[in-house]
Amino acid sequence: MKLVRYGQPGKEKPGLIDALGLLRDLSAVVPDISPAQLSDAVLAKLRKLNPERLPLVRGKPRLGMPLSGVSKFIAIGLNYADHAAEAKMPLPAEPIVFMKAISCLSGPSDPVMLPKGSIKSDWEVELGVVIGTRACHVSQKDALNHVAGYCTVNDLSEREYQLHRGGTWDKGKGCDTFGPIGPWLVTRDEVPNPQKLALWLDVNGQRMQTGSTKTMVFNVAKIVSYVSQFMTLMPGDIIATGTPPGVGMGMQPPVYLKKGDVMTLGIEGLGEQRQVVVPFKKS
């Protein structure tokens, strides 16, 4: 299934995308796409629905991030060998784990706002893993059973904040609008092998990133198992699993986002995003 949330910010309704790519309303079936709807039991019930009997949503409403109630937004750094090389950083012996503030979460086509004073804002297309059932010290063999589904993530990063302002990477990762998710959450039954997905990202129509999850240093099962050794993963938690090469920081000379730039990105089977870069505006 492809689960979505549509409508204006803060007023999103649950929905799904049917086999013809049409948006169907799920409001009469579930109150939202939230942690409570991500268990295997609830997803199995939703799978039994006949989409043709659900109300058709006409027009092209805004799609919000495809789930609400996220408690943790976790990310994995330098998880593609060729990206580590372009960043001139050593390949990690264990997964690099950092956090993105949940306040950075946004819809797949919402504007991306440059942080105040930003000079090195950058893009990163990533496979997002959404946890469906509580995971604490799970084995690699069992790890994927705790996954509800997958989504496209743009792990935007302010490189000066991240690398040159001291402390951890988190400073450059959690800026407002720096976590577009979606357009939809694809349940794991439709992604039999998360290590065979193509990823891409364009800026202003120019291809910047091309990659495949098959080249990850640590695969999804390893990541879920590893992170669960350090924190309990809860339903609705999102893990961004790293980016392939082609980020702005790795260009010669480096290229960073500016007002008016347009990013388009996608992952095979998981949908596409489009964001326009806008200047900082205090909320």
Protein backbone atom coordinates (compact mmCIF):
# COMPACT_ATOMS: atom_id res chain seq x y z
CA MET A 1 0.00 0.00 0.00
CA LYS A 2 0.92 3.60 -0.53
CA LEU A 3 -0.35 5.55 2.47
CA VAL A 4 -0.57 9.35 2.41
CA ARG A 5 -1.81 12.34 4.35
CA TYR A 6 -3.31 15.18 2.34
CA GLY A 7 -4.56 18.69 3.01
CA GLN A 8 -3.28 21.92 4.50
CA PRO A 9 -0.60 21.81 7.22
CA GLY A 10 -2.08 20.73 10.51
CA LYS A 11 -5.34 19.62 8.85
CA GLU A 12 -4.18 16.59 6.90
CA LYS A 13 -6.49 13.63 6.30
CA PRO A 14 -5.44 10.00 5.82
CA GLY A 15 -5.53 8.48 2.38
CA LEU A 16 -4.05 5.89 0.08
CA ILE A 17 -2.96 5.76 -3.54
CA ASP A 18 -4.84 3.11 -5.54
CA ALA A 19 -3.53 0.92 -8.36
CA LEU A 20 -4.33 3.64 -10.91
CA GLY A 21 -2.43 6.29 -8.95
CA LEU A 22 -5.62 7.96 -7.71
CA LEU A 23 -5.93 9.40 -4.20
CA ARG A 24 -8.58 7.75 -2.02
CA ASP A 25 -9.83 9.06 1.32
CA LEU A 26 -9.35 6.87 4.41
CA SER A 27 -11.02 9.21 6.92
CA ALA A 28 -13.96 6.87 7.50
CA VAL A 29 -11.61 3.96 8.20
CA VAL A 30 -8.80 5.42 10.34
CA PRO A 31 -8.44 8.80 12.09
CA ASP A 32 -4.91 9.37 10.78
CA ILE A 33 -1.74 7.64 9.57
CA SER A 34 -0.03 7.65 12.95
CA PRO A 35 1.94 5.16 15.09
CA ALA A 36 -1.32 3.42 16.06
CA GLN A 37 -1.95 2.54 12.40
CA LEU A 38 1.50 1.10 11.70
CA SER A 39 1.21 -2.30 13.39
CA ASP A 40 1.08 -5.42 11.24
CA ALA A 41 -2.49 -6.07 12.41
CA VAL A 42 -3.85 -2.66 11.38
CA LEU A 43 -1.94 -2.64 8.09
CA ALA A 44 -3.33 -6.09 7.31
CA LYS A 45 -6.87 -4.76 7.79
CA LEU A 46 -6.18 -1.79 5.53
CA ARG A 47 -4.78 -4.13 2.90
CA LYS A 48 -8.11 -5.95 2.74
CA LEU A 49 -9.99 -2.79 1.77
CA ASN A 50 -11.28 -2.38 -1.76
CA PRO A 51 -9.82 1.01 -2.78
CA GLU A 52 -12.54 1.46 -5.40
CA ARG A 53 -15.10 1.71 -2.60
CA LEU A 54 -13.23 4.51 -0.87
CA PRO A 55 -14.11 8.13 -1.73
CA LEU A 56 -12.07 9.55 -4.60
CA VAL A 57 -10.25 12.77 -3.74
CA ARG A 58 -10.47 15.10 -6.71
CA GLY A 59 -8.03 17.81 -7.68
CA LYS A 60 -4.43 17.94 -6.57
CA PRO A 61 -4.38 18.62 -2.83
CA ARG A 62 -1.13 19.21 -0.99
CA LEU A 63 0.47 16.03 0.32
CA GLY A 64 1.85 16.33 3.83
CA MET A 65 4.39 13.99 5.35
CA PRO A 66 2.76 10.55 5.19
CA LEU A 67 2.61 9.90 8.93
CA SER A 68 2.06 11.93 12.08
CA GLY A 69 3.23 11.42 15.65
CA VAL A 70 6.92 10.87 14.87
CA SER A 71 8.87 10.69 18.13
CA LYS A 72 12.39 10.27 16.72
CA PHE A 73 14.03 11.21 13.43
CA ILE A 74 17.32 9.32 13.31
CA ALA A 75 19.91 9.46 10.55
CA ILE A 76 22.94 7.45 9.50
CA GLY A 77 26.06 9.22 8.24
CA LEU A 78 28.57 8.20 5.57
CA ASN A 79 26.70 5.00 4.72
CA TYR A 80 27.78 4.93 1.06
CA ALA A 81 31.50 4.39 0.45
CA ASP A 82 31.60 6.73 -2.55
CA HIS A 83 29.88 9.50 -0.56
CA ALA A 84 32.41 9.11 2.27
CA ALA A 85 35.17 9.47 -0.31
CA GLU A 86 33.72 12.69 -1.78
CA ALA A 87 33.35 14.06 1.78
CA LYS A 88 37.01 13.14 2.39
CA MET A 89 36.03 11.20 5.50
CA PRO A 90 37.08 7.68 6.50
CA LEU A 91 34.66 4.81 6.03
CA PRO A 92 33.03 4.14 9.42
CA ALA A 93 33.68 0.86 11.23
CA GLU A 94 30.22 1.11 12.79
CA PRO A 95 27.16 3.11 11.70
CA ILE A 96 27.40 6.84 12.45
CA VAL A 97 24.18 7.80 14.23
CA PHE A 98 22.85 11.33 14.67
CA MET A 99 19.47 12.95 15.23
CA LYS A 100 17.40 15.33 13.16
CA ALA A 101 14.93 17.47 15.11
CA ILE A 102 11.33 16.43 14.52
CA SER A 103 10.53 20.14 14.07
CA CYS A 104 12.35 19.93 10.70
CA LEU A 105 9.80 17.49 9.26
CA SER A 106 7.77 18.73 6.28
CA GLY A 107 5.79 17.55 3.29
CA PRO A 108 7.43 16.33 0.09
CA SER A 109 6.63 19.46 -1.91
CA ASP A 110 6.69 22.08 0.83
CA PRO A 111 9.23 24.91 0.39
CA VAL A 112 12.70 24.43 1.86
CA MET A 113 13.76 27.47 3.84
CA LEU A 114 17.40 28.47 4.07
CA PRO A 115 18.48 28.92 7.71
CA LYS A 116 19.30 32.46 8.79
CA GLY A 117 22.80 33.32 7.58
CA SER A 118 23.20 30.00 5.74
CA ILE A 119 26.02 29.78 3.22
CA LYS A 120 26.36 26.01 2.83
CA SER A 121 22.92 24.40 2.66
CA ASP A 122 23.08 21.07 0.85
CA TRP A 123 20.85 18.24 -0.41
CA GLU A 124 20.85 14.48 0.31
CA VAL A 125 18.36 11.97 -1.12
CA GLU A 126 17.95 9.03 1.27
CA LEU A 127 15.91 5.91 1.86
CA GLY A 128 13.72 6.42 4.90
CA VAL A 129 12.75 3.47 7.13
CA VAL A 130 9.57 3.80 9.21
CA ILE A 131 9.32 1.64 12.32
CA GLY A 132 6.03 -0.20 12.82
CA THR A 133 6.51 -2.13 16.05
CA ARG A 134 8.67 -1.46 19.12
CA ALA A 135 12.26 -2.58 18.59
CA CYS A 136 14.73 -2.99 21.45
CA HIS A 137 17.91 -5.05 21.00
CA VAL A 138 16.53 -6.83 17.95
CA SER A 139 18.64 -9.14 15.83
CA GLN A 140 19.50 -8.44 12.21
CA LYS A 141 17.47 -11.52 11.28
CA ASP A 142 14.35 -10.10 12.91
CA ALA A 143 14.97 -6.39 12.23
CA LEU A 144 12.88 -5.96 9.09
CA ASN A 145 9.85 -7.45 10.84
CA HIS A 146 9.79 -4.26 12.92
CA VAL A 147 9.58 -2.05 9.81
CA ALA A 148 6.18 -0.72 8.71
CA GLY A 149 7.45 0.64 5.41
CA TYR A 150 9.74 2.92 3.47
CA CYS A 151 9.72 6.47 2.10
CA THR A 152 11.79 9.05 0.28
CA VAL A 153 13.70 11.51 2.49
CA ASN A 154 15.67 14.67 1.67
CA ASP A 155 18.19 14.92 4.51
CA LEU A 156 19.01 18.59 4.01
CA SER A 157 22.16 19.78 5.76
CA GLU A 158 23.78 23.12 6.52
CA ARG A 159 27.43 22.13 6.18
CA GLU A 160 28.94 25.09 8.02
CA TYR A 161 26.70 24.42 11.02
CA GLN A 162 27.33 20.68 10.75
CA LEU A 163 31.10 20.62 10.35
CA HIS A 164 32.57 23.96 11.39
CA ARG A 165 30.58 25.15 14.38
CA GLY A 166 31.82 22.59 16.90
CA GLY A 167 29.99 19.77 18.64
CA THR A 168 27.84 17.20 16.86
CA TRP A 169 26.37 17.09 13.37
CA ASP A 170 22.87 17.73 14.73
CA LYS A 171 23.19 21.54 14.44
CA GLY A 172 23.28 21.44 10.66
CA LYS A 173 20.64 18.76 10.28
CA GLY A 174 17.57 19.90 12.20
CA CYS A 175 16.87 23.33 10.73
CA ASP A 176 13.22 24.10 9.97
CA THR A 177 12.03 22.40 6.73
CA PHE A 178 15.21 20.29 6.52
CA GLY A 179 13.32 16.97 6.62
CA PRO A 180 10.89 16.53 3.70
CA ILE A 181 9.27 13.08 3.87
CA GLY A 182 7.11 11.28 1.30
CA PRO A 183 5.12 11.62 -0.88
CA TRP A 184 3.86 8.37 0.56
CA LEU A 185 4.71 5.58 2.98
CA VAL A 186 5.05 2.33 1.05
CA THR A 187 4.39 -0.67 3.27
CA ARG A 188 7.14 -3.25 3.50
CA ASP A 189 5.18 -5.95 1.64
CA GLU A 190 5.66 -3.85 -1.52
CA VAL A 191 9.41 -3.50 -0.94
CA PRO A 192 10.67 -7.10 -0.76
CA ASN A 193 14.32 -6.03 -0.93
CA PRO A 194 15.19 -2.52 0.31
CA GLN A 195 18.76 -3.07 -0.93
CA LYS A 196 17.77 -2.91 -4.60
CA LEU A 197 16.35 0.60 -4.93
CA ALA A 198 17.62 3.31 -7.28
CA LEU A 199 17.93 6.87 -5.89
CA TRP A 200 18.34 10.19 -7.72
CA LEU A 201 18.27 13.94 -7.12
CA ASP A 202 18.30 16.93 -9.51
CA VAL A 203 18.87 20.61 -8.79
CA ASN A 204 17.38 22.98 -11.36
CA GLY A 205 17.00 20.07 -13.77
CA GLN A 206 20.63 18.96 -13.52
CA ARG A 207 21.29 15.46 -12.22
CA MET A 208 23.41 15.65 -9.08
CA GLN A 209 22.91 12.31 -7.34
CA THR A 210 22.51 8.85 -8.82
CA GLY A 211 22.86 5.76 -6.68
CA SER A 212 21.46 2.49 -5.42
CA THR A 213 20.79 1.17 -1.95
CA LYS A 214 22.76 -1.94 -2.93
CA THR A 215 25.96 0.05 -2.29
CA MET A 216 25.15 0.86 1.34
CA VAL A 217 27.97 0.10 3.77
CA PHE A 218 25.44 -1.07 6.38
CA ASN A 219 22.15 -2.45 5.09
CA VAL A 220 18.70 -1.66 6.49
CA ALA A 221 18.54 -4.75 8.69
CA LYS A 222 21.94 -3.95 10.20
CA ILE A 223 20.95 -0.32 10.80
CA VAL A 224 17.66 -1.13 12.55
CA SER A 225 19.33 -3.78 14.68
CA TYR A 226 22.30 -1.55 15.50
CA VAL A 227 20.29 1.52 16.46
CA SER A 228 17.99 -0.62 18.62
CA GLN A 229 21.00 -1.47 20.79
CA PHE A 230 21.29 2.17 21.86
CA MET A 231 17.67 3.36 21.97
CA THR A 232 14.27 1.74 21.81
CA LEU A 233 12.72 2.35 18.42
CA MET A 234 9.02 3.15 18.61
CA PRO A 235 6.26 2.97 16.00
CA GLY A 236 6.47 6.02 13.76
CA ASP A 237 10.19 6.58 14.27
CA ILE A 238 12.00 7.38 11.02
CA ILE A 239 15.56 6.38 10.14
CA ALA A 240 17.25 8.07 7.17
CA THR A 241 19.85 5.58 5.96
CA GLY A 242 22.52 7.69 4.27
CA THR A 243 23.05 9.27 0.86
CA PRO A 244 24.90 8.32 -2.34
CA PRO A 245 27.53 10.63 -3.87
CA GLY A 246 26.71 13.90 -5.61
CA VAL A 247 26.05 16.27 -2.74
CA GLY A 248 26.96 19.93 -3.18
CA MET A 249 29.79 19.73 -0.67
CA GLY A 250 31.53 17.18 -2.87
CA MET A 251 31.51 19.29 -6.05
CA GLN A 252 34.68 20.98 -7.29
CA PRO A 253 34.16 23.78 -6.41
CA PRO A 254 31.36 23.12 -3.89
CA VAL A 255 27.83 24.12 -4.90
CA TYR A 256 25.22 25.06 -2.31
CA LEU A 257 21.54 25.88 -2.39
CA LYS A 258 20.33 29.41 -2.98
CA LYS A 259 16.97 31.17 -3.15
CA GLY A 260 14.92 29.99 -6.13
CA ASP A 261 16.66 26.65 -6.62
CA VAL A 262 14.38 23.69 -7.30
CA MET A 263 15.18 20.20 -6.04
CA THR A 264 13.49 17.12 -7.48
CA LEU A 265 14.32 13.70 -6.10
CA GLY A 266 12.99 10.21 -5.86
CA ILE A 267 13.51 6.57 -5.02
CA GLU A 268 12.40 3.63 -7.15
CA GLY A 269 8.86 2.66 -6.14
CA LEU A 270 8.70 5.21 -3.31
CA GLY A 271 7.67 8.35 -5.19
CA GLU A 272 9.15 11.73 -5.98
CA GLN A 273 9.58 15.03 -4.17
CA ARG A 274 9.90 18.60 -5.41
CA GLN A 275 10.98 21.57 -3.29
CA VAL A 276 11.60 25.23 -4.05
CA VAL A 277 14.26 26.94 -1.93
CA VAL A 278 13.08 30.10 -0.19
CA PRO A 279 14.88 32.63 2.05
CA PHE A 280 14.75 32.56 5.83
CA LYS A 281 11.61 33.86 7.46
CA LYS A 282 11.08 33.71 11.20
CA SER A 283 7.91 31.81 12.09
